[in-house]
Amino acid sequence: MTTTATKLLNFDAVEKAPLTTEPFSFMVAKDVIPADMLERVNADYPHIDRPANFKPESLTYGPLFAQILEDLDSPEFERMISRKFDIDLSQTTKTITVRKLSEPSDGNIHTDHWSKIMTVLLYFNPEWHQEGGKLRMLRSKHDIEDYVAEVTPIGGTLLGFKRSNNSYHGYKRFDGERRMVQVNWVRSDPLALQAQRISRLGTHTGKKLLRLAKGLGGR
């Protein structure tokens, strides 16, 4: 793929973003995609017509979006996240996925699979006026209204959090376009990788059944 000569993302914004440690470790950085670049970046965003996470190699996109993926996959970015969260990511496996559409079954309160160590979400939406779709950092698994922070998925906003047994997060239902790239650092041992594949398969199967039930109910 063709990329620009220098990085596009504003790493300084990530470096300077404050780290919150209660009830779990997370940080929110703004303007990580420079505001004057967002429209051009979105012109290079891949065409996606169904609600799922896609590996970049399965998609077609322009050079500016390719540069963002390269920045997120860079050793410099990984070292920065490692320093920010005081966590060794050198022995992990990194995965990057792209999503464009959210469906009503998304956003349920969860902590992420135990095989995940670290998650970063970068948003691309030009504007956001909806009540749903704003990711909330929660105090517990019981109440979507009991949150310590709410992250509007506006373009250029980057959220990072360290997975733990109480890293509960979720958002109110939203059905529509919600552009983001997700970076995960996961445990590299075979058991963890296999467990994550099984978990992902179960999630995808459940969502397919929900879509089928919705379709039948509408007849």
N, C-alpha and C. Protein backbone atom coordinates (compact mmCIF):
# COMPACT_ATOMS: atom_id res chain seq x y z
N MET A 1 0.83 -1.19 0.00
CA MET A 1 0.00 0.00 0.00
C MET A 1 0.87 1.25 0.00
N THR A 2 0.35 2.33 -0.53
CA THR A 2 1.09 3.58 -0.59
C THR A 2 0.79 4.42 0.64
N THR A 3 1.83 4.96 1.28
CA THR A 3 1.64 5.79 2.46
C THR A 3 2.43 7.07 2.31
N THR A 4 2.09 8.05 3.15
CA THR A 4 2.84 9.29 3.14
C THR A 4 4.17 9.10 3.84
N ALA A 5 5.07 10.07 3.69
CA ALA A 5 6.44 9.90 4.17
C ALA A 5 6.54 9.96 5.69
N THR A 6 5.68 10.74 6.34
CA THR A 6 5.76 10.91 7.78
C THR A 6 4.43 10.54 8.41
N LYS A 7 4.45 10.36 9.74
CA LYS A 7 3.23 9.94 10.41
C LYS A 7 2.17 11.04 10.33
N LEU A 8 0.93 10.61 10.31
CA LEU A 8 -0.20 11.53 10.22
C LEU A 8 -0.80 11.81 11.60
N LEU A 9 -0.81 10.81 12.47
CA LEU A 9 -1.44 10.97 13.78
C LEU A 9 -0.63 11.88 14.69
N ASN A 10 -1.35 12.59 15.55
CA ASN A 10 -0.74 13.50 16.52
C ASN A 10 -0.39 12.72 17.78
N PHE A 11 0.81 12.15 17.80
CA PHE A 11 1.24 11.36 18.95
C PHE A 11 1.40 12.21 20.21
N ASP A 12 1.69 13.50 20.04
CA ASP A 12 1.84 14.38 21.21
C ASP A 12 0.54 14.43 22.02
N ALA A 13 -0.59 14.42 21.31
CA ALA A 13 -1.88 14.46 22.01
C ALA A 13 -2.07 13.22 22.88
N VAL A 14 -1.57 12.08 22.40
CA VAL A 14 -1.66 10.85 23.18
C VAL A 14 -0.72 10.92 24.38
N GLU A 15 0.49 11.39 24.15
CA GLU A 15 1.47 11.52 25.23
C GLU A 15 0.95 12.40 26.36
N LYS A 16 0.27 13.49 26.00
CA LYS A 16 -0.15 14.49 26.99
C LYS A 16 -1.50 14.17 27.64
N ALA A 17 -2.22 13.20 27.11
CA ALA A 17 -3.54 12.88 27.66
C ALA A 17 -3.39 12.32 29.07
N PRO A 18 -4.18 12.80 30.03
CA PRO A 18 -4.08 12.29 31.40
C PRO A 18 -4.57 10.86 31.51
N LEU A 19 -3.96 10.11 32.40
CA LEU A 19 -4.35 8.73 32.65
C LEU A 19 -5.25 8.67 33.88
N THR A 20 -6.42 8.10 33.71
CA THR A 20 -7.34 7.85 34.83
C THR A 20 -7.14 6.42 35.31
N THR A 21 -7.08 6.21 36.61
CA THR A 21 -6.79 4.87 37.13
C THR A 21 -7.95 4.24 37.91
N GLU A 22 -9.02 4.98 38.12
CA GLU A 22 -10.18 4.43 38.83
C GLU A 22 -11.44 4.62 37.99
N PRO A 23 -12.27 3.60 37.87
CA PRO A 23 -12.17 2.27 38.51
C PRO A 23 -11.21 1.32 37.79
N PHE A 24 -10.69 1.74 36.62
CA PHE A 24 -9.66 0.99 35.92
C PHE A 24 -8.87 2.00 35.09
N SER A 25 -7.77 1.57 34.51
CA SER A 25 -6.88 2.49 33.82
C SER A 25 -7.36 2.77 32.40
N PHE A 26 -7.60 4.07 32.11
CA PHE A 26 -7.98 4.47 30.76
C PHE A 26 -7.55 5.90 30.51
N MET A 27 -7.48 6.27 29.25
CA MET A 27 -7.18 7.65 28.89
C MET A 27 -7.93 8.00 27.61
N VAL A 28 -8.21 9.30 27.48
CA VAL A 28 -8.90 9.82 26.30
C VAL A 28 -8.08 10.98 25.74
N ALA A 29 -7.71 10.89 24.47
CA ALA A 29 -6.95 11.94 23.80
C ALA A 29 -7.80 12.52 22.67
N LYS A 30 -7.75 13.83 22.53
CA LYS A 30 -8.52 14.51 21.49
C LYS A 30 -7.60 14.97 20.36
N ASP A 31 -8.18 15.16 19.17
CA ASP A 31 -7.47 15.68 18.00
C ASP A 31 -6.24 14.85 17.64
N VAL A 32 -6.34 13.55 17.83
CA VAL A 32 -5.24 12.66 17.42
C VAL A 32 -5.17 12.60 15.90
N ILE A 33 -6.32 12.67 15.25
CA ILE A 33 -6.35 12.97 13.81
C ILE A 33 -6.52 14.48 13.70
N PRO A 34 -5.58 15.20 13.12
CA PRO A 34 -5.71 16.65 13.02
C PRO A 34 -7.03 17.05 12.37
N ALA A 35 -7.69 18.05 12.94
CA ALA A 35 -9.02 18.45 12.48
C ALA A 35 -9.03 18.81 11.00
N ASP A 36 -7.96 19.42 10.52
CA ASP A 36 -7.93 19.84 9.11
C ASP A 36 -7.67 18.67 8.16
N MET A 37 -7.42 17.47 8.72
CA MET A 37 -7.19 16.29 7.90
C MET A 37 -8.37 15.32 7.90
N LEU A 38 -9.32 15.52 8.81
CA LEU A 38 -10.35 14.52 9.03
C LEU A 38 -11.19 14.26 7.78
N GLU A 39 -11.60 15.31 7.09
CA GLU A 39 -12.43 15.12 5.90
C GLU A 39 -11.69 14.32 4.84
N ARG A 40 -10.42 14.63 4.64
CA ARG A 40 -9.63 13.91 3.64
C ARG A 40 -9.40 12.46 4.05
N VAL A 41 -9.17 12.25 5.34
CA VAL A 41 -8.99 10.88 5.83
C VAL A 41 -10.26 10.07 5.61
N ASN A 42 -11.41 10.67 5.90
CA ASN A 42 -12.67 9.95 5.72
C ASN A 42 -12.98 9.66 4.26
N ALA A 43 -12.46 10.49 3.36
CA ALA A 43 -12.62 10.20 1.93
C ALA A 43 -11.87 8.93 1.55
N ASP A 44 -10.85 8.58 2.34
CA ASP A 44 -10.06 7.37 2.10
C ASP A 44 -10.52 6.19 2.94
N TYR A 45 -11.57 6.38 3.75
CA TYR A 45 -12.06 5.31 4.62
C TYR A 45 -12.64 4.19 3.76
N PRO A 46 -12.44 2.94 4.13
CA PRO A 46 -12.94 1.83 3.30
C PRO A 46 -14.46 1.75 3.25
N HIS A 47 -14.96 1.27 2.13
CA HIS A 47 -16.40 1.02 2.00
C HIS A 47 -16.73 -0.27 2.74
N ILE A 48 -17.66 -0.18 3.68
CA ILE A 48 -18.10 -1.34 4.46
C ILE A 48 -19.62 -1.29 4.52
N ASP A 49 -20.27 -2.40 4.22
CA ASP A 49 -21.73 -2.38 4.12
C ASP A 49 -22.44 -3.29 5.11
N ARG A 50 -21.70 -3.80 6.11
CA ARG A 50 -22.36 -4.60 7.14
C ARG A 50 -21.66 -4.41 8.48
N PRO A 51 -22.39 -4.61 9.58
CA PRO A 51 -21.85 -4.35 10.92
C PRO A 51 -20.95 -5.48 11.42
N ALA A 52 -19.66 -5.31 11.22
CA ALA A 52 -18.68 -6.30 11.67
C ALA A 52 -17.31 -5.63 11.70
N ASN A 53 -16.38 -6.26 12.40
CA ASN A 53 -14.99 -5.81 12.41
C ASN A 53 -14.24 -6.51 11.28
N PHE A 54 -13.47 -5.75 10.52
CA PHE A 54 -12.76 -6.30 9.38
C PHE A 54 -11.25 -6.09 9.52
N LYS A 55 -10.49 -7.09 9.13
CA LYS A 55 -9.05 -6.93 9.06
C LYS A 55 -8.72 -5.99 7.90
N PRO A 56 -7.74 -5.11 8.07
CA PRO A 56 -7.42 -4.16 7.00
C PRO A 56 -7.10 -4.82 5.66
N GLU A 57 -6.46 -5.99 5.71
CA GLU A 57 -6.06 -6.64 4.47
C GLU A 57 -7.26 -7.13 3.65
N SER A 58 -8.44 -7.16 4.25
CA SER A 58 -9.64 -7.58 3.52
C SER A 58 -10.38 -6.39 2.91
N LEU A 59 -9.85 -5.17 3.09
CA LEU A 59 -10.54 -3.96 2.67
C LEU A 59 -9.71 -3.18 1.64
N THR A 60 -10.40 -2.28 0.95
CA THR A 60 -9.74 -1.36 0.03
C THR A 60 -9.92 0.06 0.55
N TYR A 61 -8.83 0.83 0.61
CA TYR A 61 -8.89 2.18 1.16
C TYR A 61 -7.77 3.02 0.56
N GLY A 62 -7.86 4.33 0.81
CA GLY A 62 -6.92 5.27 0.23
C GLY A 62 -5.66 5.45 1.06
N PRO A 63 -4.71 6.25 0.56
CA PRO A 63 -3.39 6.37 1.19
C PRO A 63 -3.39 7.05 2.56
N LEU A 64 -4.28 8.00 2.81
CA LEU A 64 -4.29 8.65 4.12
C LEU A 64 -4.77 7.69 5.21
N PHE A 65 -5.79 6.92 4.90
CA PHE A 65 -6.24 5.91 5.86
C PHE A 65 -5.16 4.85 6.05
N ALA A 66 -4.48 4.50 4.99
CA ALA A 66 -3.37 3.54 5.09
C ALA A 66 -2.28 4.07 6.02
N GLN A 67 -2.02 5.37 5.95
CA GLN A 67 -0.99 5.95 6.82
C GLN A 67 -1.40 5.88 8.29
N ILE A 68 -2.68 6.09 8.56
CA ILE A 68 -3.15 5.98 9.94
C ILE A 68 -2.95 4.56 10.46
N LEU A 69 -3.28 3.58 9.65
CA LEU A 69 -3.06 2.19 10.06
C LEU A 69 -1.58 1.93 10.32
N GLU A 70 -0.74 2.49 9.48
CA GLU A 70 0.71 2.32 9.66
C GLU A 70 1.17 2.98 10.96
N ASP A 71 0.64 4.16 11.27
CA ASP A 71 0.99 4.84 12.52
C ASP A 71 0.58 4.01 13.73
N LEU A 72 -0.64 3.46 13.68
CA LEU A 72 -1.13 2.66 14.80
C LEU A 72 -0.36 1.36 14.97
N ASP A 73 0.20 0.88 13.89
CA ASP A 73 0.95 -0.38 13.92
C ASP A 73 2.44 -0.17 14.17
N SER A 74 2.84 1.07 14.39
CA SER A 74 4.27 1.38 14.50
C SER A 74 4.83 1.03 15.87
N PRO A 75 6.11 0.69 15.94
CA PRO A 75 6.76 0.46 17.24
C PRO A 75 6.70 1.69 18.14
N GLU A 76 6.76 2.89 17.55
CA GLU A 76 6.70 4.12 18.34
C GLU A 76 5.38 4.22 19.09
N PHE A 77 4.29 3.92 18.40
CA PHE A 77 2.98 3.99 19.05
C PHE A 77 2.87 2.94 20.16
N GLU A 78 3.35 1.74 19.90
CA GLU A 78 3.29 0.69 20.92
C GLU A 78 4.11 1.07 22.15
N ARG A 79 5.28 1.63 21.95
CA ARG A 79 6.11 2.05 23.09
C ARG A 79 5.41 3.14 23.89
N MET A 80 4.74 4.05 23.20
CA MET A 80 4.03 5.13 23.87
C MET A 80 2.89 4.60 24.74
N ILE A 81 2.11 3.66 24.21
CA ILE A 81 1.03 3.06 24.99
C ILE A 81 1.60 2.26 26.16
N SER A 82 2.69 1.57 25.92
CA SER A 82 3.34 0.79 26.98
C SER A 82 3.79 1.69 28.13
N ARG A 83 4.38 2.84 27.80
CA ARG A 83 4.81 3.79 28.84
C ARG A 83 3.61 4.38 29.57
N LYS A 84 2.61 4.77 28.82
CA LYS A 84 1.44 5.43 29.40
C LYS A 84 0.77 4.54 30.45
N PHE A 85 0.65 3.25 30.13
CA PHE A 85 -0.07 2.33 31.01
C PHE A 85 0.86 1.46 31.86
N ASP A 86 2.16 1.71 31.74
CA ASP A 86 3.15 0.96 32.52
C ASP A 86 2.94 -0.54 32.36
N ILE A 87 2.93 -0.97 31.10
CA ILE A 87 2.66 -2.36 30.79
C ILE A 87 3.59 -2.81 29.67
N ASP A 88 4.12 -4.02 29.79
CA ASP A 88 5.02 -4.57 28.78
C ASP A 88 4.19 -5.24 27.68
N LEU A 89 4.25 -4.67 26.48
CA LEU A 89 3.50 -5.21 25.35
C LEU A 89 4.39 -5.96 24.36
N SER A 90 5.66 -6.10 24.70
CA SER A 90 6.62 -6.64 23.74
C SER A 90 6.39 -8.11 23.41
N GLN A 91 5.74 -8.84 24.31
CA GLN A 91 5.52 -10.27 24.08
C GLN A 91 4.08 -10.58 23.69
N THR A 92 3.34 -9.56 23.28
CA THR A 92 1.94 -9.75 22.91
C THR A 92 1.78 -9.84 21.40
N THR A 93 0.58 -10.19 20.97
CA THR A 93 0.21 -10.17 19.56
C THR A 93 -0.73 -8.99 19.33
N LYS A 94 -0.42 -8.17 18.34
CA LYS A 94 -1.24 -7.00 18.05
C LYS A 94 -2.23 -7.31 16.93
N THR A 95 -3.47 -6.91 17.12
CA THR A 95 -4.47 -7.04 16.07
C THR A 95 -5.09 -5.67 15.79
N ILE A 96 -5.39 -5.41 14.54
CA ILE A 96 -6.03 -4.16 14.14
C ILE A 96 -7.25 -4.51 13.29
N THR A 97 -8.39 -3.92 13.64
CA THR A 97 -9.61 -4.13 12.87
C THR A 97 -10.30 -2.80 12.60
N VAL A 98 -11.13 -2.79 11.57
CA VAL A 98 -11.83 -1.58 11.13
C VAL A 98 -13.33 -1.85 11.17
N ARG A 99 -14.08 -0.87 11.64
CA ARG A 99 -15.53 -1.01 11.69
C ARG A 99 -16.17 0.29 11.21
N LYS A 100 -17.33 0.16 10.59
CA LYS A 100 -18.04 1.34 10.10
C LYS A 100 -19.47 1.42 10.62
N LEU A 101 -20.10 0.27 10.87
CA LEU A 101 -21.52 0.25 11.21
C LEU A 101 -21.75 -0.40 12.57
N SER A 102 -22.63 0.21 13.35
CA SER A 102 -23.06 -0.35 14.63
C SER A 102 -24.48 -0.88 14.47
N GLU A 103 -24.81 -1.91 15.24
CA GLU A 103 -26.16 -2.47 15.22
C GLU A 103 -26.70 -2.52 16.64
N PRO A 104 -28.01 -2.71 16.81
CA PRO A 104 -28.60 -2.64 18.15
C PRO A 104 -28.04 -3.63 19.15
N SER A 105 -27.45 -4.73 18.68
CA SER A 105 -26.89 -5.71 19.62
C SER A 105 -25.50 -5.31 20.11
N ASP A 106 -24.93 -4.23 19.58
CA ASP A 106 -23.62 -3.75 20.04
C ASP A 106 -23.78 -2.92 21.31
N GLY A 107 -22.68 -2.76 22.03
CA GLY A 107 -22.66 -1.84 23.16
C GLY A 107 -23.01 -2.44 24.50
N ASN A 108 -23.28 -3.76 24.55
CA ASN A 108 -23.60 -4.38 25.84
C ASN A 108 -22.43 -4.22 26.81
N ILE A 109 -22.73 -4.08 28.08
CA ILE A 109 -21.70 -3.93 29.11
C ILE A 109 -20.83 -5.19 29.16
N HIS A 110 -19.51 -4.99 29.11
CA HIS A 110 -18.58 -6.11 29.17
C HIS A 110 -17.20 -5.61 29.58
N THR A 111 -16.27 -6.53 29.76
CA THR A 111 -14.91 -6.17 30.18
C THR A 111 -13.86 -6.51 29.12
N ASP A 112 -14.24 -7.07 27.99
CA ASP A 112 -13.36 -7.65 26.98
C ASP A 112 -12.89 -9.04 27.44
N HIS A 113 -12.57 -9.86 26.47
CA HIS A 113 -12.13 -11.22 26.75
C HIS A 113 -10.83 -11.22 27.55
N TRP A 114 -10.64 -12.22 28.41
CA TRP A 114 -9.46 -12.26 29.28
C TRP A 114 -8.15 -12.34 28.51
N SER A 115 -8.20 -12.79 27.26
CA SER A 115 -6.97 -12.89 26.47
C SER A 115 -6.45 -11.52 26.02
N LYS A 116 -7.30 -10.50 26.07
CA LYS A 116 -6.87 -9.15 25.70
C LYS A 116 -6.15 -8.49 26.88
N ILE A 117 -5.13 -7.73 26.56
CA ILE A 117 -4.37 -7.01 27.58
C ILE A 117 -4.64 -5.51 27.49
N MET A 118 -4.71 -5.00 26.28
CA MET A 118 -4.81 -3.55 26.07
C MET A 118 -5.65 -3.29 24.83
N THR A 119 -6.49 -2.25 24.89
CA THR A 119 -7.34 -1.87 23.76
C THR A 119 -7.20 -0.38 23.48
N VAL A 120 -7.11 -0.03 22.21
CA VAL A 120 -7.15 1.36 21.76
C VAL A 120 -8.22 1.49 20.68
N LEU A 121 -9.05 2.51 20.80
CA LEU A 121 -10.09 2.81 19.81
C LEU A 121 -9.84 4.21 19.26
N LEU A 122 -9.82 4.33 17.95
CA LEU A 122 -9.67 5.63 17.29
C LEU A 122 -10.90 5.87 16.43
N TYR A 123 -11.56 7.02 16.66
CA TYR A 123 -12.82 7.31 15.98
C TYR A 123 -12.62 8.26 14.81
N PHE A 124 -13.55 8.16 13.82
CA PHE A 124 -13.43 8.92 12.57
C PHE A 124 -14.70 9.69 12.22
N ASN A 125 -15.72 9.68 13.06
CA ASN A 125 -17.01 10.27 12.71
C ASN A 125 -16.93 11.80 12.66
N PRO A 126 -17.35 12.42 11.56
CA PRO A 126 -17.23 13.88 11.41
C PRO A 126 -18.01 14.66 12.47
N GLU A 127 -19.13 14.10 12.92
CA GLU A 127 -19.95 14.74 13.96
C GLU A 127 -20.73 13.66 14.68
N TRP A 128 -21.27 14.02 15.84
CA TRP A 128 -22.05 13.05 16.61
C TRP A 128 -23.08 13.79 17.46
N HIS A 129 -24.36 13.61 17.11
CA HIS A 129 -25.45 14.26 17.84
C HIS A 129 -26.37 13.26 18.52
N GLN A 130 -26.10 11.97 18.36
CA GLN A 130 -26.97 10.94 18.90
C GLN A 130 -26.68 10.70 20.37
N GLU A 131 -27.70 10.27 21.09
CA GLU A 131 -27.54 9.91 22.50
C GLU A 131 -26.82 8.57 22.62
N GLY A 132 -27.16 7.63 21.75
CA GLY A 132 -26.53 6.32 21.77
C GLY A 132 -25.15 6.35 21.14
N GLY A 133 -24.40 5.27 21.34
CA GLY A 133 -23.10 5.12 20.69
C GLY A 133 -21.94 5.78 21.40
N LYS A 134 -22.18 6.47 22.52
CA LYS A 134 -21.10 7.10 23.28
C LYS A 134 -20.59 6.10 24.31
N LEU A 135 -19.34 5.70 24.17
CA LEU A 135 -18.80 4.64 25.03
C LEU A 135 -18.59 5.15 26.45
N ARG A 136 -19.12 4.40 27.41
CA ARG A 136 -19.04 4.80 28.81
C ARG A 136 -18.11 3.88 29.59
N MET A 137 -17.24 4.49 30.39
CA MET A 137 -16.38 3.76 31.32
C MET A 137 -17.16 3.62 32.62
N LEU A 138 -17.47 2.38 32.99
CA LEU A 138 -18.47 2.11 34.02
C LEU A 138 -17.86 1.65 35.34
N ARG A 139 -18.59 1.91 36.41
CA ARG A 139 -18.17 1.48 37.74
C ARG A 139 -18.53 0.02 38.02
N SER A 140 -19.50 -0.51 37.28
CA SER A 140 -19.92 -1.89 37.51
C SER A 140 -20.57 -2.43 36.25
N LYS A 141 -20.92 -3.70 36.28
CA LYS A 141 -21.54 -4.35 35.13
C LYS A 141 -23.06 -4.23 35.15
N HIS A 142 -23.60 -3.53 36.13
CA HIS A 142 -25.04 -3.57 36.34
C HIS A 142 -25.79 -2.36 35.80
N ASP A 143 -25.11 -1.22 35.58
CA ASP A 143 -25.85 0.01 35.31
C ASP A 143 -25.11 0.86 34.29
N ILE A 144 -25.68 1.00 33.09
CA ILE A 144 -25.06 1.81 32.04
C ILE A 144 -25.03 3.29 32.42
N GLU A 145 -25.84 3.69 33.40
CA GLU A 145 -25.87 5.09 33.83
C GLU A 145 -24.82 5.40 34.90
N ASP A 146 -24.19 4.38 35.45
CA ASP A 146 -23.21 4.59 36.52
C ASP A 146 -21.81 4.63 35.90
N TYR A 147 -21.47 5.76 35.29
CA TYR A 147 -20.21 5.86 34.56
C TYR A 147 -19.33 6.99 35.09
N VAL A 148 -18.03 6.81 34.90
CA VAL A 148 -17.06 7.84 35.31
C VAL A 148 -16.64 8.71 34.13
N ALA A 149 -16.85 8.22 32.92
CA ALA A 149 -16.51 9.00 31.73
C ALA A 149 -17.36 8.51 30.57
N GLU A 150 -17.71 9.44 29.69
CA GLU A 150 -18.45 9.11 28.48
C GLU A 150 -17.67 9.67 27.29
N VAL A 151 -17.37 8.81 26.34
CA VAL A 151 -16.52 9.18 25.21
C VAL A 151 -17.38 9.29 23.95
N THR A 152 -17.54 10.51 23.47
CA THR A 152 -18.26 10.72 22.21
C THR A 152 -17.35 10.30 21.06
N PRO A 153 -17.84 9.45 20.15
CA PRO A 153 -16.96 8.91 19.10
C PRO A 153 -16.73 9.88 17.94
N ILE A 154 -16.34 11.09 18.28
CA ILE A 154 -16.11 12.11 17.27
C ILE A 154 -14.72 11.91 16.66
N GLY A 155 -14.59 12.24 15.39
CA GLY A 155 -13.34 12.01 14.67
C GLY A 155 -12.14 12.63 15.36
N GLY A 156 -11.07 11.85 15.49
CA GLY A 156 -9.85 12.32 16.12
C GLY A 156 -9.72 11.94 17.58
N THR A 157 -10.81 11.46 18.20
CA THR A 157 -10.76 11.04 19.60
C THR A 157 -10.20 9.62 19.69
N LEU A 158 -9.25 9.45 20.59
CA LEU A 158 -8.64 8.14 20.83
C LEU A 158 -8.85 7.75 22.28
N LEU A 159 -9.35 6.55 22.48
CA LEU A 159 -9.57 5.99 23.81
C LEU A 159 -8.68 4.77 23.98
N GLY A 160 -7.97 4.71 25.09
CA GLY A 160 -7.18 3.52 25.41
C GLY A 160 -7.52 3.05 26.80
N PHE A 161 -7.62 1.74 27.00
CA PHE A 161 -7.85 1.22 28.34
C PHE A 161 -7.18 -0.14 28.51
N LYS A 162 -6.76 -0.37 29.74
CA LYS A 162 -6.12 -1.64 30.11
C LYS A 162 -7.20 -2.60 30.58
N ARG A 163 -7.22 -3.77 29.98
CA ARG A 163 -8.24 -4.75 30.34
C ARG A 163 -8.00 -5.27 31.76
N SER A 164 -9.07 -5.37 32.54
CA SER A 164 -9.01 -5.94 33.88
C SER A 164 -10.35 -6.61 34.16
N ASN A 165 -10.45 -7.24 35.31
CA ASN A 165 -11.70 -7.91 35.65
C ASN A 165 -12.84 -6.94 35.93
N ASN A 166 -12.51 -5.65 36.09
CA ASN A 166 -13.56 -4.65 36.32
C ASN A 166 -13.53 -3.52 35.30
N SER A 167 -12.94 -3.77 34.13
CA SER A 167 -12.88 -2.72 33.09
C SER A 167 -14.18 -2.69 32.28
N TYR A 168 -15.28 -2.48 32.99
CA TYR A 168 -16.60 -2.51 32.36
C TYR A 168 -16.82 -1.28 31.49
N HIS A 169 -17.34 -1.51 30.31
CA HIS A 169 -17.65 -0.42 29.39
C HIS A 169 -18.79 -0.85 28.49
N GLY A 170 -19.46 0.12 27.91
CA GLY A 170 -20.58 -0.15 27.03
C GLY A 170 -21.21 1.15 26.58
N TYR A 171 -22.20 1.06 25.71
CA TYR A 171 -22.90 2.28 25.29
C TYR A 171 -24.36 1.98 25.01
N LYS A 172 -25.16 3.04 25.06
CA LYS A 172 -26.57 2.91 24.76
C LYS A 172 -26.74 2.55 23.28
N ARG A 173 -27.81 1.85 23.00
CA ARG A 173 -28.03 1.31 21.67
C ARG A 173 -27.92 2.38 20.58
N PHE A 174 -27.26 1.98 19.51
CA PHE A 174 -27.16 2.85 18.34
C PHE A 174 -27.13 1.98 17.10
N ASP A 175 -27.90 2.36 16.10
CA ASP A 175 -27.99 1.61 14.84
C ASP A 175 -27.63 2.56 13.71
N GLY A 176 -26.44 2.39 13.14
CA GLY A 176 -26.04 3.29 12.06
C GLY A 176 -24.53 3.37 11.94
N GLU A 177 -24.07 4.42 11.28
CA GLU A 177 -22.64 4.56 11.00
C GLU A 177 -21.88 5.04 12.24
N ARG A 178 -20.85 4.29 12.59
CA ARG A 178 -20.01 4.61 13.77
C ARG A 178 -18.59 4.15 13.43
N ARG A 179 -17.84 5.03 12.82
CA ARG A 179 -16.54 4.67 12.26
C ARG A 179 -15.46 4.60 13.35
N MET A 180 -14.68 3.52 13.31
CA MET A 180 -13.57 3.40 14.26
C MET A 180 -12.58 2.35 13.80
N VAL A 181 -11.36 2.50 14.29
CA VAL A 181 -10.33 1.46 14.18
C VAL A 181 -10.01 0.99 15.59
N GLN A 182 -9.92 -0.32 15.75
CA GLN A 182 -9.63 -0.91 17.05
C GLN A 182 -8.29 -1.62 17.01
N VAL A 183 -7.46 -1.31 18.00
CA VAL A 183 -6.16 -1.98 18.16
C VAL A 183 -6.20 -2.75 19.47
N ASN A 184 -5.87 -4.03 19.40
CA ASN A 184 -5.80 -4.86 20.60
C ASN A 184 -4.43 -5.50 20.72
N TRP A 185 -3.93 -5.54 21.93
CA TRP A 185 -2.76 -6.34 22.24
C TRP A 185 -3.25 -7.53 23.06
N VAL A 186 -3.01 -8.73 22.55
CA VAL A 186 -3.55 -9.94 23.18
C VAL A 186 -2.41 -10.87 23.58
N ARG A 187 -2.71 -11.73 24.53
CA ARG A 187 -1.72 -12.71 24.98
C ARG A 187 -1.33 -13.61 23.81
N SER A 188 -0.06 -13.95 23.74
CA SER A 188 0.46 -14.68 22.59
C SER A 188 0.44 -16.19 22.75
N ASP A 189 0.15 -16.68 23.95
CA ASP A 189 0.19 -18.13 24.12
C ASP A 189 -0.96 -18.79 23.36
N PRO A 190 -0.76 -20.01 22.87
CA PRO A 190 -1.76 -20.68 22.02
C PRO A 190 -3.13 -20.81 22.68
N LEU A 191 -3.16 -21.07 24.00
CA LEU A 191 -4.44 -21.23 24.68
C LEU A 191 -5.26 -19.94 24.62
N ALA A 192 -4.59 -18.80 24.86
CA ALA A 192 -5.30 -17.52 24.83
C ALA A 192 -5.81 -17.20 23.43
N LEU A 193 -4.99 -17.44 22.42
CA LEU A 193 -5.40 -17.15 21.05
C LEU A 193 -6.57 -18.03 20.63
N GLN A 194 -6.52 -19.31 21.00
CA GLN A 194 -7.62 -20.21 20.66
C GLN A 194 -8.90 -19.83 21.40
N ALA A 195 -8.76 -19.45 22.67
CA ALA A 195 -9.93 -19.05 23.46
C ALA A 195 -10.58 -17.81 22.86
N GLN A 196 -9.76 -16.88 22.37
CA GLN A 196 -10.33 -15.68 21.77
C GLN A 196 -11.06 -16.00 20.47
N ARG A 197 -10.50 -16.91 19.68
CA ARG A 197 -11.17 -17.30 18.43
C ARG A 197 -12.54 -17.92 18.73
N ILE A 198 -12.60 -18.77 19.75
CA ILE A 198 -13.87 -19.40 20.12
C ILE A 198 -14.87 -18.36 20.60
N SER A 199 -14.39 -17.42 21.43
CA SER A 199 -15.26 -16.36 21.93
C SER A 199 -15.79 -15.50 20.79
N ARG A 200 -14.91 -15.16 19.84
CA ARG A 200 -15.31 -14.32 18.70
C ARG A 200 -16.33 -15.05 17.83
N LEU A 201 -16.13 -16.36 17.64
CA LEU A 201 -17.07 -17.16 16.85
C LEU A 201 -18.44 -17.18 17.52
N GLY A 202 -18.45 -17.34 18.86
CA GLY A 202 -19.71 -17.34 19.59
C GLY A 202 -20.44 -16.01 19.47
N THR A 203 -19.69 -14.91 19.55
CA THR A 203 -20.29 -13.58 19.42
C THR A 203 -20.89 -13.40 18.03
N HIS A 204 -20.14 -13.76 17.00
CA HIS A 204 -20.63 -13.60 15.63
C HIS A 204 -21.87 -14.46 15.38
N THR A 205 -21.86 -15.69 15.90
CA THR A 205 -23.01 -16.57 15.72
C THR A 205 -24.25 -15.99 16.40
N GLY A 206 -24.06 -15.48 17.62
CA GLY A 206 -25.18 -14.88 18.35
C GLY A 206 -25.76 -13.69 17.62
N LYS A 207 -24.91 -12.84 17.06
CA LYS A 207 -25.39 -11.67 16.33
C LYS A 207 -26.14 -12.08 15.06
N LYS A 208 -25.65 -13.11 14.38
CA LYS A 208 -26.35 -13.59 13.18
C LYS A 208 -27.74 -14.09 13.52
N LEU A 209 -27.85 -14.80 14.64
CA LEU A 209 -29.16 -15.31 15.06
C LEU A 209 -30.10 -14.15 15.40
N LEU A 210 -29.57 -13.11 16.05
CA LEU A 210 -30.39 -11.94 16.37
C LEU A 210 -30.88 -11.24 15.11
N ARG A 211 -29.99 -11.11 14.11
CA ARG A 211 -30.40 -10.48 12.85
C ARG A 211 -31.48 -11.31 12.16
N LEU A 212 -31.31 -12.64 12.19
CA LEU A 212 -32.30 -13.53 11.57
C LEU A 212 -33.65 -13.39 12.27
N ALA A 213 -33.62 -13.38 13.60
CA ALA A 213 -34.87 -13.25 14.36
C ALA A 213 -35.55 -11.92 14.08
N LYS A 214 -34.74 -10.87 13.97
CA LYS A 214 -35.30 -9.54 13.66
C LYS A 214 -35.95 -9.54 12.29
N GLY A 215 -35.29 -10.20 11.32
CA GLY A 215 -35.84 -10.26 9.97
C GLY A 215 -37.14 -11.04 9.91
N LEU A 216 -37.19 -12.15 10.64
CA LEU A 216 -38.42 -12.94 10.65
C LEU A 216 -39.55 -12.20 11.35
N GLY A 217 -39.18 -11.45 12.40
CA GLY A 217 -40.20 -10.71 13.14
C GLY A 217 -40.82 -9.59 12.34
N GLY A 218 -40.08 -9.12 11.32
CA GLY A 218 -40.59 -8.02 10.53
C GLY A 218 -41.49 -8.45 9.39
N ARG A 219 -41.68 -9.75 9.21
CA ARG A 219 -42.50 -10.23 8.09
C ARG A 219 -43.99 -10.18 8.41
